[in-house]
Each structure stands twice: as structure tokens, then as C-alpha cells.
Amino acid sequence: VERNMFDIRLMKEGRMKGQAFIGLPNE
């Protein structure tokens, strides 16, 4: 469950470059 919830989205292009969203198992 925790493996599936762990998610990394790294922005490498455009205005969002140098930013990332990371999903973790819980608050």
C-alpha cells in the first residue's frame, strides 16, 4: 500500500521546472 502511494513527479520543463510533487503514505 505504501509503495503504491509513494509517487514522485519532477517537473523538468516549462514554468514548473525545478519543482516536484511527492505523494507519501499519510499526513
mmCIF file of all heavy atoms, coordinates in Angstrom:
data_MODEL
# 
_entry.id   MODEL 
# 
loop_
_atom_site.group_PDB 
_atom_site.id 
_atom_site.type_symbol 
_atom_site.label_atom_id 
_atom_site.label_alt_id 
_atom_site.label_comp_id 
_atom_site.label_asym_id 
_atom_site.label_entity_id 
_atom_site.label_seq_id 
_atom_site.pdbx_PDB_ins_code 
_atom_site.Cartn_x 
_atom_site.Cartn_y 
_atom_site.Cartn_z 
_atom_site.occupancy 
_atom_site.B_iso_or_equiv 
_atom_site.pdbx_formal_charge 
_atom_site.auth_seq_id 
_atom_site.auth_comp_id 
_atom_site.auth_asym_id 
_atom_site.auth_atom_id 
_atom_site.pdbx_PDB_model_num 
ATOM 1   N N   . VAL A 1 1  ? 0.832  -1.207 0.000   1.00 0.00 ? 1  VAL A N   1 
ATOM 2   C CA  . VAL A 1 1  ? 0.000  0.000  0.000   1.00 0.00 ? 1  VAL A CA  1 
ATOM 3   C C   . VAL A 1 1  ? 0.866  1.255  0.000   1.00 0.00 ? 1  VAL A C   1 
ATOM 4   O O   . VAL A 1 1  ? 0.643  2.178  -0.791  1.00 0.00 ? 1  VAL A O   1 
ATOM 5   C CB  . VAL A 1 1  ? -0.937 0.010  1.240   1.00 0.00 ? 1  VAL A CB  1 
ATOM 6   C CG1 . VAL A 1 1  ? -1.736 1.309  1.295   1.00 0.00 ? 1  VAL A CG1 1 
ATOM 7   C CG2 . VAL A 1 1  ? -1.872 -1.183 1.200   1.00 0.00 ? 1  VAL A CG2 1 
ATOM 8   N N   . GLU A 1 2  ? 1.876  1.285  0.882   1.00 0.00 ? 2  GLU A N   1 
ATOM 9   C CA  . GLU A 1 2  ? 2.749  2.459  0.961   1.00 0.00 ? 2  GLU A CA  1 
ATOM 10  C C   . GLU A 1 2  ? 3.590  2.613  -0.301  1.00 0.00 ? 2  GLU A C   1 
ATOM 11  O O   . GLU A 1 2  ? 3.855  3.725  -0.749  1.00 0.00 ? 2  GLU A O   1 
ATOM 12  C CB  . GLU A 1 2  ? 3.648  2.374  2.207   1.00 0.00 ? 2  GLU A CB  1 
ATOM 13  C CG  . GLU A 1 2  ? 2.879  2.502  3.509   1.00 0.00 ? 2  GLU A CG  1 
ATOM 14  C CD  . GLU A 1 2  ? 3.755  2.929  4.662   1.00 0.00 ? 2  GLU A CD  1 
ATOM 15  O OE1 . GLU A 1 2  ? 4.928  3.301  4.432   1.00 0.00 ? 2  GLU A OE1 1 
ATOM 16  O OE2 . GLU A 1 2  ? 3.261  2.916  5.811   1.00 0.00 ? 2  GLU A OE2 1 
ATOM 17  N N   . ARG A 1 3  ? 4.020  1.494  -0.858  1.00 0.00 ? 3  ARG A N   1 
ATOM 18  C CA  . ARG A 1 3  ? 4.789  1.547  -2.117  1.00 0.00 ? 3  ARG A CA  1 
ATOM 19  C C   . ARG A 1 3  ? 3.968  2.185  -3.224  1.00 0.00 ? 3  ARG A C   1 
ATOM 20  O O   . ARG A 1 3  ? 4.462  3.012  -3.999  1.00 0.00 ? 3  ARG A O   1 
ATOM 21  C CB  . ARG A 1 3  ? 5.196  0.129  -2.544  1.00 0.00 ? 3  ARG A CB  1 
ATOM 22  C CG  . ARG A 1 3  ? 6.443  -0.403 -1.890  1.00 0.00 ? 3  ARG A CG  1 
ATOM 23  C CD  . ARG A 1 3  ? 7.106  -1.500 -2.726  1.00 0.00 ? 3  ARG A CD  1 
ATOM 24  N NE  . ARG A 1 3  ? 6.162  -2.478 -3.229  1.00 0.00 ? 3  ARG A NE  1 
ATOM 25  C CZ  . ARG A 1 3  ? 5.808  -3.592 -2.597  1.00 0.00 ? 3  ARG A CZ  1 
ATOM 26  N NH1 . ARG A 1 3  ? 6.328  -3.861 -1.404  1.00 0.00 ? 3  ARG A NH1 1 
ATOM 27  N NH2 . ARG A 1 3  ? 4.956  -4.447 -3.126  1.00 0.00 ? 3  ARG A NH2 1 
ATOM 28  N N   . ASN A 1 4  ? 2.709  1.802  -3.300  1.00 0.00 ? 4  ASN A N   1 
ATOM 29  C CA  . ASN A 1 4  ? 1.838  2.327  -4.361  1.00 0.00 ? 4  ASN A CA  1 
ATOM 30  C C   . ASN A 1 4  ? 1.514  3.808  -4.161  1.00 0.00 ? 4  ASN A C   1 
ATOM 31  O O   . ASN A 1 4  ? 1.324  4.547  -5.127  1.00 0.00 ? 4  ASN A O   1 
ATOM 32  C CB  . ASN A 1 4  ? 0.542  1.517  -4.418  1.00 0.00 ? 4  ASN A CB  1 
ATOM 33  C CG  . ASN A 1 4  ? 0.784  0.084  -4.889  1.00 0.00 ? 4  ASN A CG  1 
ATOM 34  O OD1 . ASN A 1 4  ? 1.763  -0.198 -5.582  1.00 0.00 ? 4  ASN A OD1 1 
ATOM 35  N ND2 . ASN A 1 4  ? -0.096 -0.834 -4.505  1.00 0.00 ? 4  ASN A ND2 1 
ATOM 36  N N   . MET A 1 5  ? 1.456  4.222  -2.890  1.00 0.00 ? 5  MET A N   1 
ATOM 37  C CA  . MET A 1 5  ? 1.118  5.622  -2.604  1.00 0.00 ? 5  MET A CA  1 
ATOM 38  C C   . MET A 1 5  ? 2.310  6.553  -2.815  1.00 0.00 ? 5  MET A C   1 
ATOM 39  O O   . MET A 1 5  ? 2.133  7.753  -3.015  1.00 0.00 ? 5  MET A O   1 
ATOM 40  C CB  . MET A 1 5  ? 0.603  5.747  -1.171  1.00 0.00 ? 5  MET A CB  1 
ATOM 41  C CG  . MET A 1 5  ? -0.746 5.092  -0.945  1.00 0.00 ? 5  MET A CG  1 
ATOM 42  S SD  . MET A 1 5  ? -1.433 5.460  0.676   1.00 0.00 ? 5  MET A SD  1 
ATOM 43  C CE  . MET A 1 5  ? -1.916 7.165  0.472   1.00 0.00 ? 5  MET A CE  1 
ATOM 44  N N   . PHE A 1 6  ? 3.512  5.996  -2.756  1.00 0.00 ? 6  PHE A N   1 
ATOM 45  C CA  . PHE A 1 6  ? 4.710  6.812  -2.955  1.00 0.00 ? 6  PHE A CA  1 
ATOM 46  C C   . PHE A 1 6  ? 4.855  7.181  -4.423  1.00 0.00 ? 6  PHE A C   1 
ATOM 47  O O   . PHE A 1 6  ? 4.985  6.320  -5.289  1.00 0.00 ? 6  PHE A O   1 
ATOM 48  C CB  . PHE A 1 6  ? 5.940  6.045  -2.466  1.00 0.00 ? 6  PHE A CB  1 
ATOM 49  C CG  . PHE A 1 6  ? 7.218  6.843  -2.539  1.00 0.00 ? 6  PHE A CG  1 
ATOM 50  C CD1 . PHE A 1 6  ? 7.307  8.107  -1.980  1.00 0.00 ? 6  PHE A CD1 1 
ATOM 51  C CD2 . PHE A 1 6  ? 8.341  6.324  -3.169  1.00 0.00 ? 6  PHE A CD2 1 
ATOM 52  C CE1 . PHE A 1 6  ? 8.481  8.844  -2.038  1.00 0.00 ? 6  PHE A CE1 1 
ATOM 53  C CE2 . PHE A 1 6  ? 9.525  7.043  -3.227  1.00 0.00 ? 6  PHE A CE2 1 
ATOM 54  C CZ  . PHE A 1 6  ? 9.591  8.311  -2.663  1.00 0.00 ? 6  PHE A CZ  1 
ATOM 55  N N   . ASP A 1 7  ? 4.803  8.479  -4.694  1.00 0.00 ? 7  ASP A N   1 
ATOM 56  C CA  . ASP A 1 7  ? 4.802  8.943  -6.084  1.00 0.00 ? 7  ASP A CA  1 
ATOM 57  C C   . ASP A 1 7  ? 5.636  10.221 -6.202  1.00 0.00 ? 7  ASP A C   1 
ATOM 58  O O   . ASP A 1 7  ? 5.514  11.123 -5.379  1.00 0.00 ? 7  ASP A O   1 
ATOM 59  C CB  . ASP A 1 7  ? 3.355  9.215  -6.534  1.00 0.00 ? 7  ASP A CB  1 
ATOM 60  C CG  . ASP A 1 7  ? 3.302  9.772  -7.942  1.00 0.00 ? 7  ASP A CG  1 
ATOM 61  O OD1 . ASP A 1 7  ? 3.855  9.150  -8.857  1.00 0.00 ? 7  ASP A OD1 1 
ATOM 62  O OD2 . ASP A 1 7  ? 2.699  10.851 -8.121  1.00 0.00 ? 7  ASP A OD2 1 
ATOM 63  N N   . ILE A 1 8  ? 6.491  10.263 -7.212  1.00 0.00 ? 8  ILE A N   1 
ATOM 64  C CA  . ILE A 1 8  ? 7.335  11.449 -7.439  1.00 0.00 ? 8  ILE A CA  1 
ATOM 65  C C   . ILE A 1 8  ? 7.064  11.999 -8.839  1.00 0.00 ? 8  ILE A C   1 
ATOM 66  O O   . ILE A 1 8  ? 7.168  11.273 -9.827  1.00 0.00 ? 8  ILE A O   1 
ATOM 67  C CB  . ILE A 1 8  ? 8.836  11.109 -7.310  1.00 0.00 ? 8  ILE A CB  1 
ATOM 68  C CG1 . ILE A 1 8  ? 9.151  10.627 -5.890  1.00 0.00 ? 8  ILE A CG1 1 
ATOM 69  C CG2 . ILE A 1 8  ? 9.692  12.332 -7.638  1.00 0.00 ? 8  ILE A CG2 1 
ATOM 70  C CD1 . ILE A 1 8  ? 10.577 10.145 -5.718  1.00 0.00 ? 8  ILE A CD1 1 
ATOM 71  N N   . ARG A 1 9  ? 6.709  13.265 -8.882  1.00 0.00 ? 9  ARG A N   1 
ATOM 72  C CA  . ARG A 1 9  ? 6.520  13.932 -10.175 1.00 0.00 ? 9  ARG A CA  1 
ATOM 73  C C   . ARG A 1 9  ? 7.442  15.145 -10.219 1.00 0.00 ? 9  ARG A C   1 
ATOM 74  O O   . ARG A 1 9  ? 7.165  16.178 -9.622  1.00 0.00 ? 9  ARG A O   1 
ATOM 75  C CB  . ARG A 1 9  ? 5.057  14.357 -10.351 1.00 0.00 ? 9  ARG A CB  1 
ATOM 76  C CG  . ARG A 1 9  ? 4.122  13.175 -10.493 1.00 0.00 ? 9  ARG A CG  1 
ATOM 77  C CD  . ARG A 1 9  ? 2.716  13.598 -10.829 1.00 0.00 ? 9  ARG A CD  1 
ATOM 78  N NE  . ARG A 1 9  ? 1.821  12.464 -10.942 1.00 0.00 ? 9  ARG A NE  1 
ATOM 79  C CZ  . ARG A 1 9  ? 0.527  12.547 -11.259 1.00 0.00 ? 9  ARG A CZ  1 
ATOM 80  N NH1 . ARG A 1 9  ? -0.019 13.745 -11.480 1.00 0.00 ? 9  ARG A NH1 1 
ATOM 81  N NH2 . ARG A 1 9  ? -0.219 11.462 -11.338 1.00 0.00 ? 9  ARG A NH2 1 
ATOM 82  N N   . LEU A 1 10 ? 8.526  14.992 -10.941 1.00 0.00 ? 10 LEU A N   1 
ATOM 83  C CA  . LEU A 1 10 ? 9.524  16.052 -11.071 1.00 0.00 ? 10 LEU A CA  1 
ATOM 84  C C   . LEU A 1 10 ? 9.317  16.796 -12.380 1.00 0.00 ? 10 LEU A C   1 
ATOM 85  O O   . LEU A 1 10 ? 9.301  16.188 -13.454 1.00 0.00 ? 10 LEU A O   1 
ATOM 86  C CB  . LEU A 1 10 ? 10.932 15.439 -11.017 1.00 0.00 ? 10 LEU A CB  1 
ATOM 87  C CG  . LEU A 1 10 ? 12.113 16.386 -11.247 1.00 0.00 ? 10 LEU A CG  1 
ATOM 88  C CD1 . LEU A 1 10 ? 12.163 17.474 -10.182 1.00 0.00 ? 10 LEU A CD1 1 
ATOM 89  C CD2 . LEU A 1 10 ? 13.417 15.609 -11.289 1.00 0.00 ? 10 LEU A CD2 1 
ATOM 90  N N   . MET A 1 11 ? 9.141  18.107 -12.279 1.00 0.00 ? 11 MET A N   1 
ATOM 91  C CA  . MET A 1 11 ? 8.923  18.935 -13.463 1.00 0.00 ? 11 MET A CA  1 
ATOM 92  C C   . MET A 1 11 ? 10.277 19.389 -14.024 1.00 0.00 ? 11 MET A C   1 
ATOM 93  O O   . MET A 1 11 ? 11.081 19.997 -13.313 1.00 0.00 ? 11 MET A O   1 
ATOM 94  C CB  . MET A 1 11 ? 8.073  20.161 -13.108 1.00 0.00 ? 11 MET A CB  1 
ATOM 95  C CG  . MET A 1 11 ? 6.818  19.823 -12.329 1.00 0.00 ? 11 MET A CG  1 
ATOM 96  S SD  . MET A 1 11 ? 5.710  18.678 -13.186 1.00 0.00 ? 11 MET A SD  1 
ATOM 97  C CE  . MET A 1 11 ? 4.471  18.407 -11.918 1.00 0.00 ? 11 MET A CE  1 
ATOM 98  N N   . LYS A 1 12 ? 10.522 19.087 -15.291 1.00 0.00 ? 12 LYS A N   1 
ATOM 99  C CA  . LYS A 1 12 ? 11.815 19.413 -15.906 1.00 0.00 ? 12 LYS A CA  1 
ATOM 100 C C   . LYS A 1 12 ? 11.702 20.438 -17.026 1.00 0.00 ? 12 LYS A C   1 
ATOM 101 O O   . LYS A 1 12 ? 12.705 20.908 -17.560 1.00 0.00 ? 12 LYS A O   1 
ATOM 102 C CB  . LYS A 1 12 ? 12.457 18.132 -16.459 1.00 0.00 ? 12 LYS A CB  1 
ATOM 103 C CG  . LYS A 1 12 ? 12.805 17.118 -15.367 1.00 0.00 ? 12 LYS A CG  1 
ATOM 104 C CD  . LYS A 1 12 ? 13.459 15.888 -15.966 1.00 0.00 ? 12 LYS A CD  1 
ATOM 105 C CE  . LYS A 1 12 ? 13.829 14.884 -14.881 1.00 0.00 ? 12 LYS A CE  1 
ATOM 106 N NZ  . LYS A 1 12 ? 14.463 13.667 -15.434 1.00 0.00 ? 12 LYS A NZ  1 
ATOM 107 N N   . GLU A 1 13 ? 10.482 20.785 -17.377 1.00 0.00 ? 13 GLU A N   1 
ATOM 108 C CA  . GLU A 1 13 ? 10.289 21.722 -18.488 1.00 0.00 ? 13 GLU A CA  1 
ATOM 109 C C   . GLU A 1 13 ? 9.214  22.750 -18.142 1.00 0.00 ? 13 GLU A C   1 
ATOM 110 O O   . GLU A 1 13 ? 8.391  22.522 -17.252 1.00 0.00 ? 13 GLU A O   1 
ATOM 111 C CB  . GLU A 1 13 ? 9.886  20.965 -19.768 1.00 0.00 ? 13 GLU A CB  1 
ATOM 112 C CG  . GLU A 1 13 ? 10.965 20.008 -20.264 1.00 0.00 ? 13 GLU A CG  1 
ATOM 113 C CD  . GLU A 1 13 ? 10.519 19.242 -21.494 1.00 0.00 ? 13 GLU A CD  1 
ATOM 114 O OE1 . GLU A 1 13 ? 9.356  19.438 -21.922 1.00 0.00 ? 13 GLU A OE1 1 
ATOM 115 O OE2 . GLU A 1 13 ? 11.315 18.456 -22.030 1.00 0.00 ? 13 GLU A OE2 1 
ATOM 116 N N   . GLY A 1 14 ? 9.250  23.852 -18.868 1.00 0.00 ? 14 GLY A N   1 
ATOM 117 C CA  . GLY A 1 14 ? 8.212  24.876 -18.722 1.00 0.00 ? 14 GLY A CA  1 
ATOM 118 C C   . GLY A 1 14 ? 8.322  25.666 -17.428 1.00 0.00 ? 14 GLY A C   1 
ATOM 119 O O   . GLY A 1 14 ? 9.358  25.697 -16.761 1.00 0.00 ? 14 GLY A O   1 
ATOM 120 N N   . ARG A 1 15 ? 7.213  26.285 -17.043 1.00 0.00 ? 15 ARG A N   1 
ATOM 121 C CA  . ARG A 1 15 ? 7.182  27.146 -15.862 1.00 0.00 ? 15 ARG A CA  1 
ATOM 122 C C   . ARG A 1 15 ? 7.390  26.364 -14.568 1.00 0.00 ? 15 ARG A C   1 
ATOM 123 O O   . ARG A 1 15 ? 7.864  26.913 -13.579 1.00 0.00 ? 15 ARG A O   1 
ATOM 124 C CB  . ARG A 1 15 ? 5.841  27.873 -15.792 1.00 0.00 ? 15 ARG A CB  1 
ATOM 125 C CG  . ARG A 1 15 ? 5.636  28.874 -16.921 1.00 0.00 ? 15 ARG A CG  1 
ATOM 126 C CD  . ARG A 1 15 ? 4.294  29.551 -16.777 1.00 0.00 ? 15 ARG A CD  1 
ATOM 127 N NE  . ARG A 1 15 ? 4.044  30.524 -17.835 1.00 0.00 ? 15 ARG A NE  1 
ATOM 128 C CZ  . ARG A 1 15 ? 2.925  31.218 -17.959 1.00 0.00 ? 15 ARG A CZ  1 
ATOM 129 N NH1 . ARG A 1 15 ? 1.944  31.035 -17.075 1.00 0.00 ? 15 ARG A NH1 1 
ATOM 130 N NH2 . ARG A 1 15 ? 2.773  32.082 -18.950 1.00 0.00 ? 15 ARG A NH2 1 
ATOM 131 N N   . MET A 1 16 ? 7.006  25.113 -14.569 1.00 0.00 ? 16 MET A N   1 
ATOM 132 C CA  . MET A 1 16 ? 7.102  24.297 -13.355 1.00 0.00 ? 16 MET A CA  1 
ATOM 133 C C   . MET A 1 16 ? 8.487  23.666 -13.177 1.00 0.00 ? 16 MET A C   1 
ATOM 134 O O   . MET A 1 16 ? 8.691  22.864 -12.273 1.00 0.00 ? 16 MET A O   1 
ATOM 135 C CB  . MET A 1 16 ? 6.048  23.185 -13.393 1.00 0.00 ? 16 MET A CB  1 
ATOM 136 C CG  . MET A 1 16 ? 4.613  23.688 -13.387 1.00 0.00 ? 16 MET A CG  1 
ATOM 137 S SD  . MET A 1 16 ? 4.173  24.466 -11.816 1.00 0.00 ? 16 MET A SD  1 
ATOM 138 C CE  . MET A 1 16 ? 4.037  23.030 -10.762 1.00 0.00 ? 16 MET A CE  1 
ATOM 139 N N   . LYS A 1 17 ? 9.413  24.040 -14.036 1.00 0.00 ? 17 LYS A N   1 
ATOM 140 C CA  . LYS A 1 17 ? 10.759 23.467 -13.955 1.00 0.00 ? 17 LYS A CA  1 
ATOM 141 C C   . LYS A 1 17 ? 11.384 23.750 -12.590 1.00 0.00 ? 17 LYS A C   1 
ATOM 142 O O   . LYS A 1 17 ? 11.268 24.854 -12.060 1.00 0.00 ? 17 LYS A O   1 
ATOM 143 C CB  . LYS A 1 17 ? 11.632 24.065 -15.059 1.00 0.00 ? 17 LYS A CB  1 
ATOM 144 C CG  . LYS A 1 17 ? 12.968 23.365 -15.246 1.00 0.00 ? 17 LYS A CG  1 
ATOM 145 C CD  . LYS A 1 17 ? 13.707 23.959 -16.437 1.00 0.00 ? 17 LYS A CD  1 
ATOM 146 C CE  . LYS A 1 17 ? 15.030 23.255 -16.662 1.00 0.00 ? 17 LYS A CE  1 
ATOM 147 N NZ  . LYS A 1 17 ? 15.770 23.822 -17.809 1.00 0.00 ? 17 LYS A NZ  1 
ATOM 148 N N   . GLY A 1 18 ? 12.055 22.741 -12.041 1.00 0.00 ? 18 GLY A N   1 
ATOM 149 C CA  . GLY A 1 18 ? 12.676 22.896 -10.726 1.00 0.00 ? 18 GLY A CA  1 
ATOM 150 C C   . GLY A 1 18 ? 11.720 22.690 -9.570  1.00 0.00 ? 18 GLY A C   1 
ATOM 151 O O   . GLY A 1 18 ? 12.016 23.044 -8.435  1.00 0.00 ? 18 GLY A O   1 
ATOM 152 N N   . GLN A 1 19 ? 10.569 22.089 -9.866  1.00 0.00 ? 19 GLN A N   1 
ATOM 153 C CA  . GLN A 1 19 ? 9.575  21.817 -8.834  1.00 0.00 ? 19 GLN A CA  1 
ATOM 154 C C   . GLN A 1 19 ? 9.165  20.344 -8.893  1.00 0.00 ? 19 GLN A C   1 
ATOM 155 O O   . GLN A 1 19 ? 9.328  19.692 -9.921  1.00 0.00 ? 19 GLN A O   1 
ATOM 156 C CB  . GLN A 1 19 ? 8.349  22.714 -9.025  1.00 0.00 ? 19 GLN A CB  1 
ATOM 157 C CG  . GLN A 1 19 ? 8.688  24.197 -8.996  1.00 0.00 ? 19 GLN A CG  1 
ATOM 158 C CD  . GLN A 1 19 ? 7.498  25.067 -9.344  1.00 0.00 ? 19 GLN A CD  1 
ATOM 159 O OE1 . GLN A 1 19 ? 6.426  24.903 -8.796  1.00 0.00 ? 19 GLN A OE1 1 
ATOM 160 N NE2 . GLN A 1 19 ? 7.690  25.989 -10.278 1.00 0.00 ? 19 GLN A NE2 1 
ATOM 161 N N   . ALA A 1 20 ? 8.622  19.863 -7.793  1.00 0.00 ? 20 ALA A N   1 
ATOM 162 C CA  . ALA A 1 20 ? 8.212  18.458 -7.746  1.00 0.00 ? 20 ALA A CA  1 
ATOM 163 C C   . ALA A 1 20 ? 7.062  18.267 -6.770  1.00 0.00 ? 20 ALA A C   1 
ATOM 164 O O   . ALA A 1 20 ? 6.910  19.024 -5.796  1.00 0.00 ? 20 ALA A O   1 
ATOM 165 C CB  . ALA A 1 20 ? 9.387  17.576 -7.334  1.00 0.00 ? 20 ALA A CB  1 
ATOM 166 N N   . PHE A 1 21 ? 6.254  17.268 -7.059  1.00 0.00 ? 21 PHE A N   1 
ATOM 167 C CA  . PHE A 1 21 ? 5.174  16.856 -6.159  1.00 0.00 ? 21 PHE A CA  1 
ATOM 168 C C   . PHE A 1 21 ? 5.463  15.423 -5.726  1.00 0.00 ? 21 PHE A C   1 
ATOM 169 O O   . PHE A 1 21 ? 5.726  14.554 -6.559  1.00 0.00 ? 21 PHE A O   1 
ATOM 170 C CB  . PHE A 1 21 ? 3.821  16.938 -6.863  1.00 0.00 ? 21 PHE A CB  1 
ATOM 171 C CG  . PHE A 1 21 ? 3.384  18.346 -7.149  1.00 0.00 ? 21 PHE A CG  1 
ATOM 172 C CD1 . PHE A 1 21 ? 3.691  18.959 -8.355  1.00 0.00 ? 21 PHE A CD1 1 
ATOM 173 C CD2 . PHE A 1 21 ? 2.664  19.064 -6.196  1.00 0.00 ? 21 PHE A CD2 1 
ATOM 174 C CE1 . PHE A 1 21 ? 3.295  20.252 -8.618  1.00 0.00 ? 21 PHE A CE1 1 
ATOM 175 C CE2 . PHE A 1 21 ? 2.261  20.368 -6.452  1.00 0.00 ? 21 PHE A CE2 1 
ATOM 176 C CZ  . PHE A 1 21 ? 2.583  20.969 -7.665  1.00 0.00 ? 21 PHE A CZ  1 
ATOM 177 N N   . ILE A 1 22 ? 5.402  15.195 -4.438  1.00 0.00 ? 22 ILE A N   1 
ATOM 178 C CA  . ILE A 1 22 ? 5.730  13.874 -3.902  1.00 0.00 ? 22 ILE A CA  1 
ATOM 179 C C   . ILE A 1 22 ? 4.589  13.374 -3.032  1.00 0.00 ? 22 ILE A C   1 
ATOM 180 O O   . ILE A 1 22 ? 4.184  14.037 -2.067  1.00 0.00 ? 22 ILE A O   1 
ATOM 181 C CB  . ILE A 1 22 ? 7.033  13.914 -3.081  1.00 0.00 ? 22 ILE A CB  1 
ATOM 182 C CG1 . ILE A 1 22 ? 8.186  14.385 -3.977  1.00 0.00 ? 22 ILE A CG1 1 
ATOM 183 C CG2 . ILE A 1 22 ? 7.349  12.541 -2.487  1.00 0.00 ? 22 ILE A CG2 1 
ATOM 184 C CD1 . ILE A 1 22 ? 9.450  14.726 -3.239  1.00 0.00 ? 22 ILE A CD1 1 
ATOM 185 N N   . GLY A 1 23 ? 4.064  12.219 -3.402  1.00 0.00 ? 23 GLY A N   1 
ATOM 186 C CA  . GLY A 1 23 ? 2.985  11.605 -2.632  1.00 0.00 ? 23 GLY A CA  1 
ATOM 187 C C   . GLY A 1 23 ? 3.544  10.629 -1.613  1.00 0.00 ? 23 GLY A C   1 
ATOM 188 O O   . GLY A 1 23 ? 4.342  9.752  -1.954  1.00 0.00 ? 23 GLY A O   1 
ATOM 189 N N   . LEU A 1 24 ? 3.143  10.807 -0.356  1.00 0.00 ? 24 LEU A N   1 
ATOM 190 C CA  . LEU A 1 24 ? 3.600  9.943  0.728   1.00 0.00 ? 24 LEU A CA  1 
ATOM 191 C C   . LEU A 1 24 ? 2.413  9.172  1.323   1.00 0.00 ? 24 LEU A C   1 
ATOM 192 O O   . LEU A 1 24 ? 1.262  9.527  1.078   1.00 0.00 ? 24 LEU A O   1 
ATOM 193 C CB  . LEU A 1 24 ? 4.305  10.783 1.791   1.00 0.00 ? 24 LEU A CB  1 
ATOM 194 C CG  . LEU A 1 24 ? 5.650  11.376 1.327   1.00 0.00 ? 24 LEU A CG  1 
ATOM 195 C CD1 . LEU A 1 24 ? 6.128  12.447 2.301   1.00 0.00 ? 24 LEU A CD1 1 
ATOM 196 C CD2 . LEU A 1 24 ? 6.708  10.304 1.171   1.00 0.00 ? 24 LEU A CD2 1 
ATOM 197 N N   . PRO A 1 25 ? 2.683  8.111  2.082   1.00 0.00 ? 25 PRO A N   1 
ATOM 198 C CA  . PRO A 1 25 ? 1.615  7.225  2.564   1.00 0.00 ? 25 PRO A CA  1 
ATOM 199 C C   . PRO A 1 25 ? 0.540  7.908  3.413   1.00 0.00 ? 25 PRO A C   1 
ATOM 200 O O   . PRO A 1 25 ? -0.622 7.530  3.360   1.00 0.00 ? 25 PRO A O   1 
ATOM 201 C CB  . PRO A 1 25 ? 2.354  6.174  3.399   1.00 0.00 ? 25 PRO A CB  1 
ATOM 202 C CG  . PRO A 1 25 ? 3.750  6.187  2.877   1.00 0.00 ? 25 PRO A CG  1 
ATOM 203 C CD  . PRO A 1 25 ? 4.009  7.589  2.461   1.00 0.00 ? 25 PRO A CD  1 
ATOM 204 N N   . ASN A 1 26 ? 0.929  8.906  4.208   1.00 0.00 ? 26 ASN A N   1 
ATOM 205 C CA  . ASN A 1 26 ? -0.040 9.554  5.094   1.00 0.00 ? 26 ASN A CA  1 
ATOM 206 C C   . ASN A 1 26 ? 0.452  10.938 5.502   1.00 0.00 ? 26 ASN A C   1 
ATOM 207 O O   . ASN A 1 26 ? 1.573  11.334 5.169   1.00 0.00 ? 26 ASN A O   1 
ATOM 208 C CB  . ASN A 1 26 ? -0.295 8.690  6.344   1.00 0.00 ? 26 ASN A CB  1 
ATOM 209 C CG  . ASN A 1 26 ? 1.010  8.235  6.978   1.00 0.00 ? 26 ASN A CG  1 
ATOM 210 O OD1 . ASN A 1 26 ? 1.846  9.048  7.371   1.00 0.00 ? 26 ASN A OD1 1 
ATOM 211 N ND2 . ASN A 1 26 ? 1.203  6.915  7.069   1.00 0.00 ? 26 ASN A ND2 1 
ATOM 212 N N   . GLU A 1 27 ? -0.406 11.667 6.222   1.00 0.00 ? 27 GLU A N   1 
ATOM 213 C CA  . GLU A 1 27 ? -0.065 13.027 6.647   1.00 0.00 ? 27 GLU A CA  1 
ATOM 214 C C   . GLU A 1 27 ? 1.122  13.049 7.613   1.00 0.00 ? 27 GLU A C   1 
ATOM 215 O O   . GLU A 1 27 ? 1.934  13.967 7.585   1.00 0.00 ? 27 GLU A O   1 
ATOM 216 C CB  . GLU A 1 27 ? -1.277 13.689 7.329   1.00 0.00 ? 27 GLU A CB  1 
ATOM 217 C CG  . GLU A 1 27 ? -2.351 14.132 6.358   1.00 0.00 ? 27 GLU A CG  1 
ATOM 218 C CD  . GLU A 1 27 ? -3.457 14.913 7.053   1.00 0.00 ? 27 GLU A CD  1 
ATOM 219 O OE1 . GLU A 1 27 ? -3.261 15.315 8.227   1.00 0.00 ? 27 GLU A OE1 1 
ATOM 220 O OE2 . GLU A 1 27 ? -4.507 15.118 6.434   1.00 0.00 ? 27 GLU A OE2 1 
# 
